[in-house]
């Protein structure tokens, strides 16, 4: 586990199951993926993870988003 996440979780009661997201790593992965793909527009599948923090981070990075219905 990344040390800064481990430190943030010290003395924190966490229910299970639990998903911990590293915003810095998400941004780094997105930038790296875009770099490797060249001039292709990258669309994020919101349905995969609609977490507002993830979406706002990707908006700030210039990501595009898919559009899908609830059905």
PDB file of N, CA and C in Angstrom:
ATOM      1  N   UNK A   1       0.849  -1.174   0.000  1.00  0.00           N
ATOM      2  CA  UNK A   1       0.000   0.000   0.000  1.00  0.00           C
ATOM      3  C   UNK A   1       0.894   1.238   0.000  1.00  0.00           C
ATOM      4  N   UNK A   2       0.458   2.268  -0.684  1.00  0.00           N
ATOM      5  CA  UNK A   2       1.203   3.527  -0.734  1.00  0.00           C
ATOM      6  C   UNK A   2       1.224   4.145   0.665  1.00  0.00           C
ATOM      7  N   UNK A   3       2.396   4.600   1.078  1.00  0.00           N
ATOM      8  CA  UNK A   3       2.598   5.089   2.443  1.00  0.00           C
ATOM      9  C   UNK A   3       1.636   6.214   2.824  1.00  0.00           C
ATOM     10  N   UNK A   4       1.353   7.153   1.915  1.00  0.00           N
ATOM     11  CA  UNK A   4       0.473   8.271   2.280  1.00  0.00           C
ATOM     12  C   UNK A   4      -0.943   7.785   2.543  1.00  0.00           C
ATOM     13  N   UNK A   5      -1.377   6.738   1.850  1.00  0.00           N
ATOM     14  CA  UNK A   5      -2.704   6.167   2.106  1.00  0.00           C
ATOM     15  C   UNK A   5      -2.687   5.424   3.429  1.00  0.00           C
ATOM     16  N   UNK A   6      -1.633   4.666   3.643  1.00  0.00           N
ATOM     17  CA  UNK A   6      -1.501   3.935   4.902  1.00  0.00           C
ATOM     18  C   UNK A   6      -1.530   4.901   6.091  1.00  0.00           C
ATOM     19  N   UNK A   7      -0.810   6.013   5.982  1.00  0.00           N
ATOM     20  CA  UNK A   7      -0.794   7.014   7.053  1.00  0.00           C
ATOM     21  C   UNK A   7      -2.163   7.657   7.251  1.00  0.00           C
ATOM     22  N   UNK A   8      -2.885   7.888   6.165  1.00  0.00           N
ATOM     23  CA  UNK A   8      -4.216   8.502   6.257  1.00  0.00           C
ATOM     24  C   UNK A   8      -5.210   7.582   6.947  1.00  0.00           C
ATOM     25  N   UNK A   9      -4.965   6.285   6.873  1.00  0.00           N
ATOM     26  CA  UNK A   9      -5.903   5.318   7.437  1.00  0.00           C
ATOM     27  C   UNK A   9      -5.586   4.917   8.879  1.00  0.00           C
ATOM     28  N   UNK A  10      -4.455   5.381   9.391  1.00  0.00           N
ATOM     29  CA  UNK A  10      -4.088   5.068  10.780  1.00  0.00           C
ATOM     30  C   UNK A  10      -5.170   5.614  11.711  1.00  0.00           C
ATOM     31  N   UNK A  11      -5.577   4.803  12.658  1.00  0.00           N
ATOM     32  CA  UNK A  11      -6.589   5.175  13.655  1.00  0.00           C
ATOM     33  C   UNK A  11      -7.945   5.493  13.044  1.00  0.00           C
ATOM     34  N   UNK A  12      -8.222   4.966  11.874  1.00  0.00           N
ATOM     35  CA  UNK A  12      -9.509   5.168  11.222  1.00  0.00           C
ATOM     36  C   UNK A  12     -10.265   3.849  11.232  1.00  0.00           C
ATOM     37  N   UNK A  13     -11.482   3.878  11.745  1.00  0.00           N
ATOM     38  CA  UNK A  13     -12.306   2.668  11.742  1.00  0.00           C
ATOM     39  C   UNK A  13     -12.931   2.541  10.355  1.00  0.00           C
ATOM     40  N   UNK A  14     -12.621   1.434   9.689  1.00  0.00           N
ATOM     41  CA  UNK A  14     -13.093   1.216   8.332  1.00  0.00           C
ATOM     42  C   UNK A  14     -13.991  -0.002   8.305  1.00  0.00           C
ATOM     43  N   UNK A  15     -15.171   0.176   7.732  1.00  0.00           N
ATOM     44  CA  UNK A  15     -16.067  -0.955   7.530  1.00  0.00           C
ATOM     45  C   UNK A  15     -15.579  -1.748   6.330  1.00  0.00           C
ATOM     46  N   UNK A  16     -15.928  -3.010   6.307  1.00  0.00           N
ATOM     47  CA  UNK A  16     -15.571  -3.817   5.148  1.00  0.00           C
ATOM     48  C   UNK A  16     -16.833  -4.228   4.429  1.00  0.00           C
ATOM     49  N   UNK A  17     -16.847  -4.361   3.141  1.00  0.00           N
ATOM     50  CA  UNK A  17     -15.713  -4.070   2.271  1.00  0.00           C
ATOM     51  C   UNK A  17     -15.499  -2.565   2.130  1.00  0.00           C
ATOM     52  N   UNK A  18     -14.317  -2.201   1.706  1.00  0.00           N
ATOM     53  CA  UNK A  18     -13.944  -0.796   1.599  1.00  0.00           C
ATOM     54  C   UNK A  18     -13.092  -0.591   0.350  1.00  0.00           C
ATOM     55  N   UNK A  19     -13.357   0.472  -0.372  1.00  0.00           N
ATOM     56  CA  UNK A  19     -12.564   0.826  -1.542  1.00  0.00           C
ATOM     57  C   UNK A  19     -11.836   2.127  -1.238  1.00  0.00           C
ATOM     58  N   UNK A  20     -10.530   2.111  -1.347  1.00  0.00           N
ATOM     59  CA  UNK A  20      -9.716   3.304  -1.126  1.00  0.00           C
ATOM     60  C   UNK A  20      -9.153   3.728  -2.470  1.00  0.00           C
ATOM     61  N   UNK A  21      -9.408   4.967  -2.846  1.00  0.00           N
ATOM     62  CA  UNK A  21      -8.935   5.491  -4.126  1.00  0.00           C
ATOM     63  C   UNK A  21      -7.835   6.511  -3.887  1.00  0.00           C
ATOM     64  N   UNK A  22      -6.814   6.447  -4.700  1.00  0.00           N
ATOM     65  CA  UNK A  22      -5.698   7.381  -4.637  1.00  0.00           C
ATOM     66  C   UNK A  22      -5.859   8.372  -5.786  1.00  0.00           C
ATOM     67  N   UNK A  23      -6.328   9.573  -5.462  1.00  0.00           N
ATOM     68  CA  UNK A  23      -6.592  10.582  -6.492  1.00  0.00           C
ATOM     69  C   UNK A  23      -5.338  10.906  -7.301  1.00  0.00           C
ATOM     70  N   UNK A  24      -4.207  11.006  -6.640  1.00  0.00           N
ATOM     71  CA  UNK A  24      -2.965  11.298  -7.365  1.00  0.00           C
ATOM     72  C   UNK A  24      -2.648  10.192  -8.371  1.00  0.00           C
ATOM     73  N   UNK A  25      -2.852   8.948  -7.973  1.00  0.00           N
ATOM     74  CA  UNK A  25      -2.553   7.839  -8.862  1.00  0.00           C
ATOM     75  C   UNK A  25      -3.557   7.762 -10.010  1.00  0.00           C
ATOM     76  N   UNK A  26      -4.816   8.071  -9.735  1.00  0.00           N
ATOM     77  CA  UNK A  26      -5.823   8.091 -10.804  1.00  0.00           C
ATOM     78  C   UNK A  26      -5.435   9.119 -11.864  1.00  0.00           C
ATOM     79  N   UNK A  27      -5.077  10.317 -11.417  1.00  0.00           N
ATOM     80  CA  UNK A  27      -4.679  11.378 -12.354  1.00  0.00           C
ATOM     81  C   UNK A  27      -3.428  10.971 -13.133  1.00  0.00           C
ATOM     82  N   UNK A  28      -2.474  10.400 -12.440  1.00  0.00           N
ATOM     83  CA  UNK A  28      -1.231   9.963 -13.089  1.00  0.00           C
ATOM     84  C   UNK A  28      -1.529   8.887 -14.134  1.00  0.00           C
ATOM     85  N   UNK A  29      -2.375   7.918 -13.779  1.00  0.00           N
ATOM     86  CA  UNK A  29      -2.734   6.848 -14.717  1.00  0.00           C
ATOM     87  C   UNK A  29      -3.465   7.414 -15.931  1.00  0.00           C
ATOM     88  N   UNK A  30      -4.373   8.362 -15.709  1.00  0.00           N
ATOM     89  CA  UNK A  30      -5.122   8.964 -16.813  1.00  0.00           C
ATOM     90  C   UNK A  30      -4.172   9.706 -17.761  1.00  0.00           C
ATOM     91  N   UNK A  31      -3.286  10.516 -17.199  1.00  0.00           N
ATOM     92  CA  UNK A  31      -2.337  11.267 -18.033  1.00  0.00           C
ATOM     93  C   UNK A  31      -1.431  10.320 -18.818  1.00  0.00           C
ATOM     94  N   UNK A  32      -0.964   9.273 -18.171  1.00  0.00           N
ATOM     95  CA  UNK A  32      -0.102   8.299 -18.833  1.00  0.00           C
ATOM     96  C   UNK A  32      -0.853   7.595 -19.971  1.00  0.00           C
ATOM     97  N   UNK A  33      -2.083   7.205 -19.714  1.00  0.00           N
ATOM     98  CA  UNK A  33      -2.900   6.538 -20.727  1.00  0.00           C
ATOM     99  C   UNK A  33      -3.118   7.458 -21.926  1.00  0.00           C
ATOM    100  N   UNK A  34      -3.454   8.725 -21.663  1.00  0.00           N
ATOM    101  CA  UNK A  34      -3.651   9.693 -22.748  1.00  0.00           C
ATOM    102  C   UNK A  34      -2.375   9.878 -23.549  1.00  0.00           C
ATOM    103  N   UNK A  35      -1.269   9.967 -22.858  1.00  0.00           N
ATOM    104  CA  UNK A  35       0.025  10.135 -23.533  1.00  0.00           C
ATOM    105  C   UNK A  35       0.304   8.957 -24.461  1.00  0.00           C
ATOM    106  N   UNK A  36       0.069   7.756 -23.961  1.00  0.00           N
ATOM    107  CA  UNK A  36       0.332   6.547 -24.757  1.00  0.00           C
ATOM    108  C   UNK A  36      -0.618   6.423 -25.951  1.00  0.00           C
ATOM    109  N   UNK A  37      -1.834   6.959 -25.829  1.00  0.00           N
ATOM    110  CA  UNK A  37      -2.830   6.838 -26.889  1.00  0.00           C
ATOM    111  C   UNK A  37      -2.695   7.932 -27.943  1.00  0.00           C
ATOM    112  N   UNK A  38      -1.856   8.912 -27.706  1.00  0.00           N
ATOM    113  CA  UNK A  38      -1.640   9.960 -28.702  1.00  0.00           C
ATOM    114  C   UNK A  38      -2.805  10.940 -28.778  1.00  0.00           C
ATOM    115  N   UNK A  39      -3.294  11.189 -29.980  1.00  0.00           N
ATOM    116  CA  UNK A  39      -4.335  12.194 -30.197  1.00  0.00           C
ATOM    117  C   UNK A  39      -5.757  11.626 -30.138  1.00  0.00           C
ATOM    118  N   UNK A  40      -5.941  10.528 -29.475  1.00  0.00           N
ATOM    119  CA  UNK A  40      -7.262   9.911 -29.370  1.00  0.00           C
ATOM    120  C   UNK A  40      -7.993  10.498 -28.163  1.00  0.00           C
ATOM    121  N   UNK A  41      -9.270  10.846 -28.335  1.00  0.00           N
ATOM    122  CA  UNK A  41     -10.082  11.311 -27.211  1.00  0.00           C
ATOM    123  C   UNK A  41     -10.425  10.108 -26.337  1.00  0.00           C
ATOM    124  N   UNK A  42     -10.153  10.233 -25.056  1.00  0.00           N
ATOM    125  CA  UNK A  42     -10.418   9.158 -24.104  1.00  0.00           C
ATOM    126  C   UNK A  42     -11.752   9.439 -23.413  1.00  0.00           C
ATOM    127  N   UNK A  43     -12.677   8.492 -23.504  1.00  0.00           N
ATOM    128  CA  UNK A  43     -13.984   8.597 -22.861  1.00  0.00           C
ATOM    129  C   UNK A  43     -14.030   7.680 -21.649  1.00  0.00           C
ATOM    130  N   UNK A  44     -14.387   8.229 -20.513  1.00  0.00           N
ATOM    131  CA  UNK A  44     -14.487   7.461 -19.278  1.00  0.00           C
ATOM    132  C   UNK A  44     -15.894   6.886 -19.165  1.00  0.00           C
ATOM    133  N   UNK A  45     -15.982   5.610 -18.830  1.00  0.00           N
ATOM    134  CA  UNK A  45     -17.278   4.954 -18.642  1.00  0.00           C
ATOM    135  C   UNK A  45     -17.776   5.256 -17.232  1.00  0.00           C
ATOM    136  N   UNK A  46     -18.634   6.252 -17.116  1.00  0.00           N
ATOM    137  CA  UNK A  46     -19.130   6.709 -15.824  1.00  0.00           C
ATOM    138  C   UNK A  46     -19.773   5.569 -15.038  1.00  0.00           C
ATOM    139  N   UNK A  47     -20.447   4.689 -15.733  1.00  0.00           N
ATOM    140  CA  UNK A  47     -21.126   3.571 -15.078  1.00  0.00           C
ATOM    141  C   UNK A  47     -20.128   2.684 -14.314  1.00  0.00           C
ATOM    142  N   UNK A  48     -18.891   2.648 -14.749  1.00  0.00           N
ATOM    143  CA  UNK A  48     -17.869   1.815 -14.100  1.00  0.00           C
ATOM    144  C   UNK A  48     -17.552   2.310 -12.688  1.00  0.00           C
ATOM    145  N   UNK A  49     -17.548   3.613 -12.488  1.00  0.00           N
ATOM    146  CA  UNK A  49     -17.282   4.192 -11.174  1.00  0.00           C
ATOM    147  C   UNK A  49     -17.791   5.626 -11.166  1.00  0.00           C
ATOM    148  N   UNK A  50     -19.034   5.842 -10.734  1.00  0.00           N
ATOM    149  CA  UNK A  50     -19.609   7.192 -10.745  1.00  0.00           C
ATOM    150  C   UNK A  50     -19.246   8.038  -9.521  1.00  0.00           C
ATOM    151  N   UNK A  51     -18.220   7.650  -8.786  1.00  0.00           N
ATOM    152  CA  UNK A  51     -17.793   8.386  -7.599  1.00  0.00           C
ATOM    153  C   UNK A  51     -17.519   9.848  -7.973  1.00  0.00           C
ATOM    154  N   UNK A  52     -18.229  10.797  -7.318  1.00  0.00           N
ATOM    155  CA  UNK A  52     -18.056  12.221  -7.660  1.00  0.00           C
ATOM    156  C   UNK A  52     -16.605  12.707  -7.613  1.00  0.00           C
ATOM    157  N   UNK A  53     -15.819  12.229  -6.659  1.00  0.00           N
ATOM    158  CA  UNK A  53     -14.409  12.651  -6.588  1.00  0.00           C
ATOM    159  C   UNK A  53     -13.632  12.205  -7.814  1.00  0.00           C
ATOM    160  N   UNK A  54     -13.917  11.006  -8.301  1.00  0.00           N
ATOM    161  CA  UNK A  54     -13.239  10.503  -9.501  1.00  0.00           C
ATOM    162  C   UNK A  54     -13.666  11.319 -10.714  1.00  0.00           C
ATOM    163  N   UNK A  55     -14.962  11.574 -10.834  1.00  0.00           N
ATOM    164  CA  UNK A  55     -15.468  12.334 -11.978  1.00  0.00           C
ATOM    165  C   UNK A  55     -14.915  13.750 -12.000  1.00  0.00           C
ATOM    166  N   UNK A  56     -14.901  14.418 -10.857  1.00  0.00           N
ATOM    167  CA  UNK A  56     -14.390  15.797 -10.829  1.00  0.00           C
ATOM    168  C   UNK A  56     -12.898  15.831 -11.141  1.00  0.00           C
ATOM    169  N   UNK A  57     -12.163  14.834 -10.678  1.00  0.00           N
ATOM    170  CA  UNK A  57     -10.743  14.757 -10.983  1.00  0.00           C
ATOM    171  C   UNK A  57     -10.535  14.598 -12.477  1.00  0.00           C
ATOM    172  N   UNK A  58     -11.306  13.701 -13.109  1.00  0.00           N
ATOM    173  CA  UNK A  58     -11.163  13.470 -14.546  1.00  0.00           C
ATOM    174  C   UNK A  58     -11.619  14.679 -15.365  1.00  0.00           C
ATOM    175  N   UNK A  59     -12.627  15.396 -14.888  1.00  0.00           N
ATOM    176  CA  UNK A  59     -13.038  16.647 -15.553  1.00  0.00           C
ATOM    177  C   UNK A  59     -11.862  17.616 -15.560  1.00  0.00           C
ATOM    178  N   UNK A  60     -11.207  17.755 -14.414  1.00  0.00           N
ATOM    179  CA  UNK A  60     -10.058  18.664 -14.307  1.00  0.00           C
ATOM    180  C   UNK A  60      -8.911  18.237 -15.227  1.00  0.00           C
ATOM    181  N   UNK A  61      -8.822  16.945 -15.503  1.00  0.00           N
ATOM    182  CA  UNK A  61      -7.773  16.430 -16.394  1.00  0.00           C
ATOM    183  C   UNK A  61      -8.157  16.546 -17.868  1.00  0.00           C
ATOM    184  N   UNK A  62      -9.415  16.945 -18.142  1.00  0.00           N
ATOM    185  CA  UNK A  62      -9.853  17.125 -19.521  1.00  0.00           C
ATOM    186  C   UNK A  62     -10.483  15.892 -20.149  1.00  0.00           C
ATOM    187  N   UNK A  63     -10.924  14.966 -19.329  1.00  0.00           N
ATOM    188  CA  UNK A  63     -11.513  13.722 -19.843  1.00  0.00           C
ATOM    189  C   UNK A  63     -12.872  13.973 -20.498  1.00  0.00           C
ATOM    190  N   UNK A  64     -13.239  13.059 -21.369  1.00  0.00           N
ATOM    191  CA  UNK A  64     -14.570  13.009 -21.960  1.00  0.00           C
ATOM    192  C   UNK A  64     -15.324  11.883 -21.277  1.00  0.00           C
ATOM    193  N   UNK A  65     -16.652  11.916 -21.348  1.00  0.00           N
ATOM    194  CA  UNK A  65     -17.462  10.927 -20.649  1.00  0.00           C
ATOM    195  C   UNK A  65     -18.488  10.316 -21.590  1.00  0.00           C
ATOM    196  N   UNK A  66     -18.806   9.038 -21.327  1.00  0.00           N
ATOM    197  CA  UNK A  66     -19.827   8.368 -22.113  1.00  0.00           C
ATOM    198  C   UNK A  66     -21.206   8.812 -21.631  1.00  0.00           C
ATOM    199  N   UNK A  67     -22.212   8.431 -22.353  1.00  0.00           N
ATOM    200  CA  UNK A  67     -23.588   8.752 -21.997  1.00  0.00           C
ATOM    201  C   UNK A  67     -24.378   7.451 -22.082  1.00  0.00           C
ATOM    202  N   UNK A  68     -25.067   7.108 -21.018  1.00  0.00           N
ATOM    203  CA  UNK A  68     -25.842   5.862 -21.002  1.00  0.00           C
ATOM    204  C   UNK A  68     -27.126   6.095 -20.216  1.00  0.00           C
ATOM    205  N   UNK A  69     -28.129   5.282 -20.513  1.00  0.00           N
ATOM    206  CA  UNK A  69     -29.396   5.404 -19.800  1.00  0.00           C
ATOM    207  C   UNK A  69     -29.356   4.574 -18.524  1.00  0.00           C
ATOM    208  N   UNK A  70     -30.375   4.734 -17.688  1.00  0.00           N
ATOM    209  CA  UNK A  70     -30.486   3.955 -16.465  1.00  0.00           C
ATOM    210  C   UNK A  70     -30.950   2.537 -16.748  1.00  0.00           C
ATOM    211  N   UNK A  71     -31.492   2.276 -17.929  1.00  0.00           N
ATOM    212  CA  UNK A  71     -32.064   0.959 -18.244  1.00  0.00           C
ATOM    213  C   UNK A  71     -31.130   0.124 -19.055  1.00  0.00           C
TER     214      UNK A  71
END
